[in-house]
Protein backbone atom coordinates (compact mmCIF):
# COMPACT_ATOMS: atom_id res chain seq x y z
CA MET A 1 0.05 0.25 -0.23
CA ARG A 2 1.52 3.27 -1.10
CA PHE A 3 1.39 6.07 2.08
CA THR A 4 3.30 9.49 2.71
CA ILE A 5 4.93 10.63 5.63
CA CYS A 6 5.22 14.47 5.82
CA ALA A 7 5.34 16.98 8.46
CA ALA A 8 1.99 17.87 9.90
CA LYS A 9 -0.05 21.38 9.08
CA PRO A 10 -2.52 23.06 11.02
CA GLU A 11 -4.74 21.97 9.22
CA ASP A 12 -4.34 18.36 10.23
CA CYS A 13 -5.20 19.26 13.51
CA LYS A 14 -8.51 18.12 13.35
CA ASP A 15 -7.46 14.49 11.93
CA ILE A 16 -4.65 14.24 14.70
CA ALA A 17 -6.91 15.16 17.32
CA ARG A 18 -9.36 12.13 16.12
CA MET A 19 -6.43 9.63 16.24
CA ILE A 20 -5.34 11.36 19.98
CA MET A 21 -8.71 9.96 20.78
CA GLU A 22 -8.39 6.75 19.16
CA LEU A 23 -5.40 6.09 20.64
CA ALA A 24 -7.04 6.93 23.89
CA VAL A 25 -9.36 4.59 23.73
CA TYR A 26 -7.38 1.62 22.82
CA GLU A 27 -4.89 2.61 25.72
CA LYS A 28 -8.43 2.17 27.38
CA MET A 29 -7.98 6.24 28.65
CA PRO A 30 -10.72 7.88 27.01
CA ASP A 31 -11.81 10.45 29.59
CA GLN A 32 -8.00 11.44 29.84
CA VAL A 33 -8.09 13.19 26.99
CA LYS A 34 -8.56 16.99 27.47
CA ILE A 35 -7.06 18.52 24.19
CA SER A 36 -8.71 19.87 21.21
CA HIS A 37 -7.81 20.59 17.65
CA LYS A 38 -7.39 24.31 18.57
CA GLU A 39 -4.68 23.55 21.11
CA LEU A 40 -2.90 21.96 19.17
CA GLU A 41 -2.93 24.42 16.40
CA ARG A 42 -1.64 27.24 19.15
CA ASP A 43 0.87 24.56 20.65
CA GLY A 44 2.75 23.08 17.59
CA PHE A 45 2.14 25.75 14.99
CA GLY A 46 2.75 28.62 17.11
CA PRO A 47 5.46 31.26 17.07
CA ASN A 48 7.28 28.71 19.80
CA PRO A 49 6.31 25.33 18.93
CA PHE A 50 6.30 23.17 22.32
CA TYR A 51 5.93 20.02 19.86
CA GLN A 52 6.58 18.09 16.09
CA CYS A 53 4.08 16.21 14.36
CA LEU A 54 4.60 13.91 11.29
CA VAL A 55 1.13 12.25 9.53
CA ALA A 56 1.30 9.11 7.61
CA GLU A 57 -1.73 9.88 4.62
CA VAL A 58 -2.97 7.09 2.05
CA PRO A 59 -3.88 8.16 -1.31
CA GLU A 60 -7.80 8.28 -2.02
CA GLU A 61 -8.64 5.11 -3.26
CA HIS A 62 -6.97 3.81 -0.28
CA THR A 63 -9.44 6.29 2.29
CA SER A 64 -10.42 4.54 5.48
CA LYS A 65 -13.73 3.09 5.76
CA ASP A 66 -14.73 6.12 7.69
CA GLY A 67 -13.42 8.41 5.24
CA HIS A 68 -10.18 8.94 6.30
CA THR A 69 -7.20 9.52 4.53
CA LYS A 70 -4.87 10.71 7.12
CA VAL A 71 -4.12 7.17 8.66
CA GLY A 72 -1.38 7.65 11.97
CA TYR A 73 0.65 10.17 13.13
CA ALA A 74 3.89 10.63 15.41
CA LEU A 75 4.05 13.43 17.84
CA PHE A 76 7.79 14.19 19.70
CA PHE A 77 9.43 16.62 21.50
CA TYR A 78 13.12 17.98 22.27
CA THR A 79 14.27 17.20 25.81
CA TYR A 80 17.90 17.20 26.97
CA SER A 81 19.55 14.74 29.62
CA THR A 82 22.12 16.12 31.61
CA TRP A 83 24.10 12.76 30.96
CA LYS A 84 23.97 12.28 27.30
CA GLY A 85 22.37 15.47 25.63
CA ARG A 86 20.10 16.08 22.93
CA THR A 87 17.08 13.62 23.32
CA VAL A 88 13.91 13.31 21.35
CA TYR A 89 10.51 12.17 23.20
CA MET A 90 8.53 10.56 21.50
CA GLU A 91 4.72 11.44 22.81
CA ASP A 92 2.40 9.19 20.60
CA LEU A 93 2.76 6.84 17.90
CA TYR A 94 -0.62 5.44 16.18
CA VAL A 95 -1.69 3.95 13.22
CA MET A 96 -5.46 3.25 12.86
CA PRO A 97 -5.86 -0.47 13.03
CA GLU A 98 -7.14 -1.32 9.58
CA TYR A 99 -3.64 -0.03 7.99
CA ARG A 100 -1.47 -1.80 10.37
CA GLY A 101 1.29 -4.25 9.61
CA LYS A 102 1.71 -2.33 6.41
CA GLY A 103 5.35 -0.43 7.61
CA ILE A 104 3.28 2.82 8.20
CA GLY A 105 4.29 2.76 11.93
CA LYS A 106 7.99 2.25 11.20
CA ALA A 107 8.29 4.65 8.20
CA LEU A 108 6.75 7.06 10.94
CA MET A 109 9.43 6.02 14.11
CA ALA A 110 11.62 6.17 11.22
CA THR A 111 11.10 9.33 10.03
CA VAL A 112 11.16 10.72 13.53
CA ALA A 113 14.46 9.03 14.20
CA LYS A 114 15.95 10.48 11.03
CA VAL A 115 14.82 14.30 12.61
CA ALA A 116 16.27 13.11 16.02
CA LYS A 117 19.68 12.62 13.93
CA GLU A 118 19.39 15.63 11.73
CA GLN A 119 19.04 17.66 15.05
CA HIS A 120 22.10 15.87 16.60
CA CYS A 121 19.83 13.78 19.38
CA VAL A 122 21.64 10.91 20.98
CA ARG A 123 18.39 9.28 21.50
CA LEU A 124 14.87 8.54 21.08
CA GLN A 125 12.64 7.84 23.59
CA PHE A 126 8.86 7.00 24.47
CA SER A 127 6.67 5.19 27.35
CA VAL A 128 4.47 2.18 26.59
CA LEU A 129 1.86 0.90 28.79
CA ASP A 130 2.43 -2.54 30.30
CA TRP A 131 -0.48 -4.31 28.82
CA ASN A 132 0.53 -3.53 25.26
CA LYS A 133 2.47 -6.36 24.26
CA PRO A 134 1.87 -5.87 20.57
CA SER A 135 3.47 -2.32 20.41
CA LEU A 136 5.97 -3.22 23.25
CA ASP A 137 7.31 -6.52 20.82
CA PHE A 138 7.17 -4.25 17.85
CA TYR A 139 9.66 -1.64 19.49
CA LEU A 140 11.75 -4.17 21.15
CA SER A 141 12.29 -5.69 17.41
CA LYS A 142 13.26 -2.70 16.13
CA GLY A 143 16.28 -2.64 18.97
CA ALA A 144 14.54 -0.32 21.83
CA GLU A 145 15.59 -0.82 25.38
CA ASP A 146 12.98 -1.64 27.84
CA LEU A 147 14.96 0.82 30.89
CA THR A 148 12.42 -0.65 33.17
CA ALA A 149 13.67 -4.01 32.92
CA LYS A 150 17.38 -3.05 32.01
CA GLU A 151 17.72 -0.42 34.46
CA GLY A 152 14.79 -0.02 37.09
CA TRP A 153 13.80 3.20 35.75
CA HIS A 154 10.19 4.52 36.92
CA PHE A 155 7.98 6.87 34.87
CA LEU A 156 6.64 9.67 37.37
CA ARG A 157 4.09 12.59 36.88
CA PHE A 158 2.94 15.50 38.96
CA HIS A 159 -0.52 16.66 37.46
CA GLY A 160 -3.59 18.33 38.69
CA ILE A 161 -3.57 19.24 42.78
CA ALA A 162 -0.29 17.35 43.28
CA LEU A 163 0.99 19.73 40.25
CA ASP A 164 -0.36 23.13 42.37
CA ASN A 165 0.96 21.72 45.78
CA LEU A 166 4.01 21.73 44.38
CA GLY A 167 4.31 25.06 42.25
CA LEU A 168 3.11 26.67 45.82
CA GLU A 169 6.00 25.61 47.67
CA ALA A 170 8.31 27.89 45.10
CA PRO A 171 10.05 30.64 46.93
């Protein structure tokens, strides 16, 4: 199947928002999604973008059963490691179920890696839910290391009231 991978444009944000919700449903957390396509436009395409995004598109003859040609995306941003330097964090990699197994996910991830190397990043990091064995197996088959098993890292988060309370402790 033919497809193209390209940098997302502001007009792609409605499709990206749709696929974010599809991914959240797959991950059994649709109630966690609070972002709109307008926020995606503002945060990814304003004067100081917080993220970059790639989209996978198929030609019209391969339109999805629901009429979509945008069938996958990879959303990523830059971070910094005090031990290693420039890093890319891939927040999401998603391909609609009917298009999986056709090389689209691999192409999206490879393109993120290519962008990372062009930006002199030394690593690509991301998280996978512990029950998501198909995705975990896919990443491991491409050479990813499971740092949970290898180094014992825990991925932690402050949000909501905990973030508010922590901010109140600032001098």
